[in-house]
């Protein structure tokens, strides 16, 4: 199914931004008024604009445009899969650093920072680990040692080359899970209890004193009821507050930002309010995996513009809501899209019943969509007194 011809670039005349205030440069580059890339426009605010990178696409000689845009439009990169445990250590004790090292080298070549993703997650674990726990050949005590050794090995290998680490990812359930009361979920909570979260941050800090350490999760864009029993954002807020009270070296909270146009998403003021509340704890924030998917109805797949256009407009509005909220909160350090082109998006392969897609800011032909143009406009037309340069986060000891 091809939708390329229906996703127009949306010709937008962009006025020069030379008259706008210039913020300190990030990632080794100075602001250039003639450069209309997302990364350069964000420099004026001290904000990093990033993307997840598919290493296969990056290395494809038949697809040079992917590499060109990954280098020119973004100031940070995140490994889509190359730093996950199953990729780094497919065989126990044998690490495959090659693809992840390649991404770090790509970032260095292009004056980009790297978000490390991810140290501890219950998904994409190597088979030797999960099967060993299942058959009893790996005990609880040994499992904790394995986790500590993994975190130490990975963070040490990349020491000094990672700006932000997603230390723990998606540790909290959703209200529609069983039981419906929010709780710590997944492989690590089941076998080690929730104390593994504090341990993971302490082990990561011991391995690299200078990287920023983040907790990362989805569905935490804004507060709902404020009841930690069913409001995931409140649960994560209380968790972060408790970790800080214990002296755990957590530096920030990452909101993934996986949205869908079929849902009743939040407005900019609601999202900015959540970011502001986390900042009140002394934490940095970031949007870490932003995409906005749409259901690919029969009409969309048939090329009906009456169905396609509203989805593209709703997608652009949602990207804009998150970016405006990030711009409004000075402790929001980075805004990362989870892939930038529909040609290499994870969404169609994951959401198939019903099928979903159209989730990124470029179409399958690398033409910028309305969402890209709205992000660019947000970066151009935002400024004092409501949008100010970022407040740098110092790693917590």
Protein backbone atom coordinates (compact mmCIF):
# COMPACT_ATOMS: atom_id res chain seq x y z
CA UNK A 1 0.00 0.00 0.00
CA UNK A 2 1.53 3.30 -1.10
CA UNK A 3 0.37 6.70 0.08
CA UNK A 4 3.24 8.75 -1.29
CA UNK A 5 1.33 10.76 -3.84
CA UNK A 6 -1.20 11.94 -1.26
CA UNK A 7 1.20 13.45 1.24
CA UNK A 8 2.18 16.82 -0.14
CA UNK A 9 5.09 18.78 1.18
CA UNK A 10 2.91 21.76 1.95
CA UNK A 11 4.80 24.71 0.52
CA UNK A 12 5.20 27.18 3.36
CA UNK A 13 7.03 30.45 2.88
CA UNK A 14 9.37 30.83 5.86
CA UNK A 15 10.54 34.32 6.73
CA UNK A 16 14.11 34.87 7.80
CA UNK A 17 14.69 34.36 11.50
CA UNK A 18 17.77 36.54 11.77
CA UNK A 19 15.95 39.11 13.89
CA UNK A 20 15.09 36.51 16.56
CA UNK A 21 17.15 36.08 19.68
CA UNK A 22 20.06 33.66 19.47
CA UNK A 23 20.54 31.08 22.21
CA UNK A 24 23.75 29.24 23.08
CA UNK A 25 24.72 26.57 20.57
CA UNK A 26 24.28 22.89 21.35
CA UNK A 27 26.21 19.86 20.16
CA UNK A 28 29.13 21.93 18.90
CA UNK A 29 27.27 24.02 16.31
CA UNK A 30 26.48 27.74 16.23
CA UNK A 31 23.14 29.15 15.18
CA UNK A 32 23.05 30.10 11.50
CA UNK A 33 20.12 32.31 10.39
CA UNK A 34 20.39 30.99 6.83
CA UNK A 35 19.93 27.34 7.89
CA UNK A 36 16.26 26.30 7.99
CA UNK A 37 16.82 22.77 9.34
CA UNK A 38 15.01 21.71 12.49
CA UNK A 39 18.29 21.29 14.35
CA UNK A 40 19.46 24.80 13.54
CA UNK A 41 16.13 26.48 14.27
CA UNK A 42 16.06 24.75 17.66
CA UNK A 43 19.52 26.09 18.49
CA UNK A 44 18.01 29.52 19.09
CA UNK A 45 16.17 27.98 22.05
CA UNK A 46 19.05 25.79 23.22
CA UNK A 47 16.80 22.81 22.43
CA UNK A 48 18.02 19.56 20.88
CA UNK A 49 15.90 18.03 18.09
CA UNK A 50 16.53 14.32 17.58
CA UNK A 51 15.49 11.17 15.78
CA UNK A 52 15.66 7.45 16.31
CA UNK A 53 17.93 5.87 13.71
CA UNK A 54 17.48 2.59 11.86
CA UNK A 55 21.05 1.34 11.31
CA UNK A 56 20.03 -0.78 8.31
CA UNK A 57 18.57 2.26 6.57
CA UNK A 58 21.57 4.37 7.57
CA UNK A 59 23.91 1.89 5.84
CA UNK A 60 21.81 1.34 2.71
CA UNK A 61 23.81 2.66 -0.30
CA UNK A 62 20.63 2.61 -2.37
CA UNK A 63 18.93 5.02 0.04
CA UNK A 64 21.36 7.93 0.61
CA UNK A 65 18.58 10.39 1.44
CA UNK A 66 17.98 8.71 4.78
CA UNK A 67 21.56 9.31 5.88
CA UNK A 68 21.54 12.88 4.57
CA UNK A 69 18.43 13.87 6.50
CA UNK A 70 19.49 12.06 9.68
CA UNK A 71 22.67 14.13 9.62
CA UNK A 72 21.29 17.50 8.56
CA UNK A 73 17.92 17.84 10.31
CA UNK A 74 18.71 16.56 13.80
CA UNK A 75 21.11 17.44 16.60
CA UNK A 76 20.68 14.21 18.57
CA UNK A 77 20.30 10.56 17.56
CA UNK A 78 18.93 7.51 19.37
CA UNK A 79 19.58 3.92 18.36
CA UNK A 80 16.21 2.45 17.46
CA UNK A 81 17.36 -1.06 18.41
CA UNK A 82 21.16 -1.30 18.42
CA UNK A 83 21.59 -0.50 22.14
CA UNK A 84 18.87 -2.82 23.41
CA UNK A 85 20.04 -5.85 25.36
CA UNK A 86 19.16 -8.51 22.78
CA UNK A 87 21.20 -6.59 20.20
CA UNK A 88 24.21 -5.86 22.40
CA UNK A 89 24.57 -9.25 24.10
CA UNK A 90 22.81 -11.94 22.05
CA UNK A 91 25.13 -14.57 23.55
CA UNK A 92 25.90 -14.42 27.24
CA UNK A 93 29.19 -12.69 27.89
CA UNK A 94 29.77 -11.75 24.23
CA UNK A 95 28.94 -8.18 23.29
CA UNK A 96 28.31 -6.96 19.76
CA UNK A 97 29.22 -3.29 19.97
CA UNK A 98 29.58 -2.74 16.22
CA UNK A 99 26.22 -1.22 15.19
CA UNK A 100 25.91 0.95 18.29
CA UNK A 101 29.49 2.16 17.92
CA UNK A 102 28.72 3.02 14.30
CA UNK A 103 25.83 5.24 15.38
CA UNK A 104 27.99 6.99 17.96
CA UNK A 105 30.66 7.59 15.30
CA UNK A 106 27.99 8.94 12.92
CA UNK A 107 26.86 11.34 15.64
CA UNK A 108 30.40 12.53 16.30
CA UNK A 109 30.99 13.10 12.59
CA UNK A 110 27.86 15.25 12.39
CA UNK A 111 28.26 17.16 15.67
CA UNK A 112 25.31 15.37 17.26
CA UNK A 113 24.64 14.19 20.77
CA UNK A 114 23.48 10.63 21.54
CA UNK A 115 20.57 9.46 23.66
CA UNK A 116 21.32 5.97 24.95
CA UNK A 117 18.32 3.66 24.70
CA UNK A 118 17.87 1.52 26.76
CA UNK A 119 19.61 -0.05 29.80
CA UNK A 120 16.70 -1.80 31.55
CA UNK A 121 13.48 -2.84 29.82
CA UNK A 122 11.29 -5.92 30.03
CA UNK A 123 11.14 -6.29 26.23
CA UNK A 124 13.80 -7.25 23.67
CA UNK A 125 15.81 -9.21 26.21
CA UNK A 126 18.17 -11.96 24.97
CA UNK A 127 16.75 -15.48 24.95
CA UNK A 128 19.56 -16.82 27.15
CA UNK A 129 18.44 -14.49 29.93
CA UNK A 130 14.69 -15.07 29.87
CA UNK A 131 14.97 -18.83 29.31
CA UNK A 132 17.57 -19.12 32.07
CA UNK A 133 15.22 -17.46 34.56
CA UNK A 134 12.30 -19.54 33.34
CA UNK A 135 14.06 -22.90 33.71
CA UNK A 136 15.67 -21.96 37.03
CA UNK A 137 19.28 -22.04 35.83
CA UNK A 138 19.55 -18.32 36.68
CA UNK A 139 18.64 -17.58 40.30
CA UNK A 140 17.25 -14.30 41.62
CA UNK A 141 20.60 -13.44 43.18
CA UNK A 142 22.42 -14.18 39.94
CA UNK A 143 19.84 -12.21 37.95
CA UNK A 144 20.52 -9.10 40.00
CA UNK A 145 24.26 -9.53 39.42
CA UNK A 146 23.65 -9.99 35.69
CA UNK A 147 21.65 -6.77 35.55
CA UNK A 148 24.31 -4.83 37.45
CA UNK A 149 27.06 -6.22 35.23
CA UNK A 150 25.12 -5.39 32.06
CA UNK A 151 24.46 -1.79 33.09
CA UNK A 152 28.07 -1.35 34.17
CA UNK A 153 29.47 -2.87 30.98
CA UNK A 154 27.26 -0.86 28.62
CA UNK A 155 27.57 2.50 30.36
CA UNK A 156 31.33 2.04 30.76
CA UNK A 157 31.76 1.15 27.09
CA UNK A 158 30.01 4.37 25.99
CA UNK A 159 31.29 6.53 28.86
CA UNK A 160 31.72 10.14 27.82
CA UNK A 161 29.86 9.62 24.53
CA UNK A 162 26.24 9.50 25.74
CA UNK A 163 24.36 12.69 26.68
CA UNK A 164 21.21 11.08 28.11
CA UNK A 165 20.60 7.45 29.09
CA UNK A 166 17.13 5.91 29.27
CA UNK A 167 18.08 3.92 32.35
CA UNK A 168 14.70 2.30 33.04
CA UNK A 169 11.96 2.07 30.43
CA UNK A 170 8.22 1.43 30.81
CA UNK A 171 8.25 0.08 34.36
CA UNK A 172 4.66 1.16 35.14
CA UNK A 173 1.43 -0.51 34.04
CA UNK A 174 -1.60 1.10 32.39
CA UNK A 175 -5.13 1.45 33.83
CA UNK A 176 -6.45 -1.12 31.33
CA UNK A 177 -3.95 -3.78 32.44
CA UNK A 178 -4.80 -6.51 34.94
CA UNK A 179 -5.01 -5.56 37.75
CA UNK A 180 -6.34 -2.14 36.76
CA UNK A 181 -4.69 -0.42 39.73
CA UNK A 182 -1.37 0.96 38.52
CA UNK A 183 1.64 -1.07 39.56
CA UNK A 184 5.22 -1.92 38.62
CA UNK A 185 5.07 -4.37 35.73
CA UNK A 186 7.23 -6.64 33.63
CA UNK A 187 10.11 -9.08 33.88
CA UNK A 188 12.32 -7.10 36.25
CA UNK A 189 9.60 -6.16 38.75
CA UNK A 190 8.36 -9.73 38.73
CA UNK A 191 11.74 -11.23 39.56
CA UNK A 192 13.56 -8.48 41.47
CA UNK A 193 10.80 -6.27 42.85
CA UNK A 194 10.55 -2.50 42.30
CA UNK A 195 13.86 -1.86 44.06
CA UNK A 196 15.66 -2.67 40.81
CA UNK A 197 14.78 0.84 39.56
CA UNK A 198 16.84 2.62 42.22
CA UNK A 199 19.63 0.07 41.81
CA UNK A 200 19.76 0.65 38.05
CA UNK A 201 20.21 4.40 38.44
CA UNK A 202 22.91 3.98 41.06
CA UNK A 203 24.82 1.46 38.94
CA UNK A 204 24.57 3.71 35.87
CA UNK A 205 25.82 6.73 37.80
CA UNK A 206 28.77 4.74 39.18
CA UNK A 207 29.75 3.84 35.60
CA UNK A 208 29.45 7.37 34.19
CA UNK A 209 29.35 10.42 36.50
CA UNK A 210 28.52 12.81 33.66
CA UNK A 211 25.66 11.29 31.63
CA UNK A 212 22.12 12.45 32.35
CA UNK A 213 20.01 9.57 33.67
CA UNK A 214 16.33 9.38 32.65
CA UNK A 215 13.28 7.31 33.48
CA UNK A 216 11.31 6.82 30.22
CA UNK A 217 7.65 5.86 29.68
CA UNK A 218 4.60 6.31 27.45
CA UNK A 219 1.17 7.79 28.29
CA UNK A 220 2.67 10.36 30.67
CA UNK A 221 2.17 13.47 28.51
CA UNK A 222 -0.22 15.13 30.98
CA UNK A 223 -1.92 14.55 34.31
CA UNK A 224 -5.42 13.09 34.42
CA UNK A 225 -7.30 12.46 37.64
CA UNK A 226 -4.27 12.99 39.87
CA UNK A 227 -5.05 9.68 41.60
CA UNK A 228 -1.92 7.46 41.54
CA UNK A 229 -4.19 4.40 41.41
CA UNK A 230 -5.31 5.23 37.86
CA UNK A 231 -3.33 8.29 36.69
CA UNK A 232 -0.07 7.00 35.20
CA UNK A 233 1.55 10.43 35.10
CA UNK A 234 0.82 10.92 38.80
CA UNK A 235 2.22 7.46 39.55
CA UNK A 236 5.46 8.26 37.71
CA UNK A 237 5.65 11.68 39.38
CA UNK A 238 5.31 10.08 42.83
CA UNK A 239 7.87 7.42 41.89
CA UNK A 240 10.39 10.06 40.79
CA UNK A 241 9.77 12.09 43.94
CA UNK A 242 10.35 8.99 46.07
CA UNK A 243 13.56 8.12 44.20
CA UNK A 244 14.87 11.62 44.81
CA UNK A 245 13.99 11.35 48.51
CA UNK A 246 16.12 8.19 48.63
CA UNK A 247 19.07 10.03 47.08
CA UNK A 248 18.79 8.09 43.82
CA UNK A 249 20.69 9.89 40.99
CA UNK A 250 17.78 10.36 38.59
CA UNK A 251 18.20 13.47 36.43
CA UNK A 252 15.12 13.46 34.23
CA UNK A 253 11.87 11.93 33.05
CA UNK A 254 11.29 11.14 29.39
CA UNK A 255 7.79 11.19 27.95
CA UNK A 256 7.73 9.04 24.82
CA UNK A 257 4.94 10.87 23.02
CA UNK A 258 3.51 7.99 20.99
CA UNK A 259 0.13 9.46 20.03
CA UNK A 260 -2.71 8.54 17.67
CA UNK A 261 -5.08 10.81 15.79
CA UNK A 262 -8.03 8.60 16.76
CA UNK A 263 -7.64 9.50 20.45
CA UNK A 264 -8.66 12.54 22.49
CA UNK A 265 -5.14 13.80 23.11
CA UNK A 266 -4.09 16.69 25.35
CA UNK A 267 -3.67 20.38 24.59
CA UNK A 268 -0.45 22.37 24.92
CA UNK A 269 -1.29 23.88 28.30
CA UNK A 270 -2.01 20.47 29.82
CA UNK A 271 1.25 19.02 28.57
CA UNK A 272 3.27 22.07 29.61
CA UNK A 273 1.71 21.81 33.06
CA UNK A 274 2.97 18.26 33.46
CA UNK A 275 6.48 19.21 32.35
CA UNK A 276 6.44 22.12 34.78
CA UNK A 277 5.48 19.87 37.67
CA UNK A 278 8.36 17.46 36.99
CA UNK A 279 10.67 20.46 36.74
CA UNK A 280 9.48 21.43 40.20
CA UNK A 281 11.20 18.30 41.50
CA UNK A 282 14.47 19.54 40.03
CA UNK A 283 14.26 17.14 37.09
CA UNK A 284 14.89 17.69 33.42
CA UNK A 285 12.30 16.45 30.94
CA UNK A 286 12.40 15.33 27.31
CA UNK A 287 10.10 14.01 24.62
CA UNK A 288 11.89 10.86 23.58
CA UNK A 289 9.93 8.84 20.98
CA UNK A 290 7.39 11.13 19.34
CA UNK A 291 5.20 9.91 16.50
CA UNK A 292 1.51 10.35 15.72
CA UNK A 293 -0.09 7.39 13.98
CA UNK A 294 -3.44 7.16 12.18
CA UNK A 295 -5.74 4.29 11.33
CA UNK A 296 -5.34 3.24 7.72
CA UNK A 297 -9.01 2.77 6.88
CA UNK A 298 -10.18 1.37 3.57
CA UNK A 299 -10.67 4.95 2.40
CA UNK A 300 -7.13 5.96 3.36
CA UNK A 301 -5.69 2.93 1.60
CA UNK A 302 -7.80 3.72 -1.48
CA UNK A 303 -6.34 7.24 -1.56
CA UNK A 304 -9.45 9.16 -0.47
CA UNK A 305 -8.24 12.69 0.33
CA UNK A 306 -11.37 13.27 2.42
CA UNK A 307 -10.00 10.72 4.87
CA UNK A 308 -6.28 11.34 4.43
CA UNK A 309 -6.20 15.12 4.86
CA UNK A 310 -7.90 15.26 8.27
CA UNK A 311 -5.44 12.67 9.57
CA UNK A 312 -2.45 14.62 8.32
CA UNK A 313 -3.81 17.79 9.90
CA UNK A 314 -4.52 16.05 13.22
CA UNK A 315 -1.06 14.52 13.20
CA UNK A 316 0.55 17.92 12.64
CA UNK A 317 -1.50 19.40 15.49
CA UNK A 318 -0.33 16.71 17.89
CA UNK A 319 3.34 17.10 16.99
CA UNK A 320 2.90 20.83 17.52
CA UNK A 321 1.23 20.43 20.92
CA UNK A 322 4.16 18.43 22.28
CA UNK A 323 6.81 20.70 20.78
CA UNK A 324 5.12 23.90 21.99
CA UNK A 325 4.87 22.45 25.50
CA UNK A 326 8.55 21.50 25.43
CA UNK A 327 9.50 24.98 24.23
CA UNK A 328 7.44 26.52 27.01
CA UNK A 329 9.27 24.61 29.77
CA UNK A 330 12.96 25.52 29.99
CA UNK A 331 13.89 22.21 31.64
CA UNK A 332 12.67 20.28 28.58
CA UNK A 333 16.05 19.57 26.99
CA UNK A 334 15.28 17.56 23.87
CA UNK A 335 12.52 16.56 21.46
CA UNK A 336 13.09 13.27 19.61
CA UNK A 337 10.90 11.81 16.87
CA UNK A 338 10.80 8.02 16.69
CA UNK A 339 11.92 7.77 13.10
CA UNK A 340 11.41 10.61 10.65
CA UNK A 341 10.08 8.92 7.50
CA UNK A 342 7.11 6.64 6.84
CA UNK A 343 9.46 4.57 4.69
CA UNK A 344 11.18 3.24 7.82
CA UNK A 345 8.52 3.58 10.52
CA UNK A 346 7.94 0.86 13.11
CA UNK A 347 4.21 1.63 13.29
CA UNK A 348 2.78 -0.41 10.36
CA UNK A 349 4.65 -3.51 11.50
CA UNK A 350 3.36 -3.22 15.06
CA UNK A 351 -0.21 -1.92 14.64
CA UNK A 352 -1.92 -4.20 12.17
CA UNK A 353 -5.40 -4.83 13.62
CA UNK A 354 -6.60 -2.33 12.53
CA UNK A 355 -3.67 -1.23 10.38
CA UNK A 356 -2.05 2.08 11.31
CA UNK A 357 0.61 4.31 9.80
CA UNK A 358 1.30 7.87 8.58
CA UNK A 359 3.13 8.37 11.87
CA UNK A 360 6.21 10.46 11.02
CA UNK A 361 7.13 13.93 9.71
CA UNK A 362 8.31 12.85 6.23
CA UNK A 363 6.45 10.68 3.75
CA UNK A 364 7.85 7.57 2.04
CA UNK A 365 9.51 9.74 -0.62
CA UNK A 366 11.23 11.91 2.01
CA UNK A 367 8.91 14.81 1.34
CA UNK A 368 8.17 16.87 4.48
CA UNK A 369 4.60 16.55 5.68
CA UNK A 370 2.43 19.17 7.36
CA UNK A 371 3.74 17.95 10.73
CA UNK A 372 7.29 18.89 9.73
CA UNK A 373 6.17 22.34 8.64
CA UNK A 374 4.28 22.94 11.88
CA UNK A 375 7.32 21.94 13.93
CA UNK A 376 9.45 24.33 11.90
CA UNK A 377 6.92 27.13 12.41
CA UNK A 378 6.85 26.50 16.16
CA UNK A 379 10.62 26.82 16.32
CA UNK A 380 10.66 30.00 14.21
CA UNK A 381 7.81 31.92 15.79
CA UNK A 382 8.47 31.06 19.44
CA UNK A 383 10.49 33.41 21.57
CA UNK A 384 10.63 35.57 24.70
CA UNK A 385 9.02 36.04 27.10
CA UNK A 386 7.33 32.64 27.01
CA UNK A 387 10.05 30.62 25.29
CA UNK A 388 13.52 31.03 26.79
CA UNK A 389 16.83 29.14 26.45
CA UNK A 390 17.08 25.75 28.13
CA UNK A 391 18.19 25.34 31.75
CA UNK A 392 21.10 22.84 31.61
CA UNK A 393 20.76 19.78 33.85
CA UNK A 394 23.75 18.69 35.91
CA UNK A 395 24.09 14.94 36.55
CA UNK A 396 22.86 14.13 40.05
CA UNK A 397 25.40 12.56 42.39
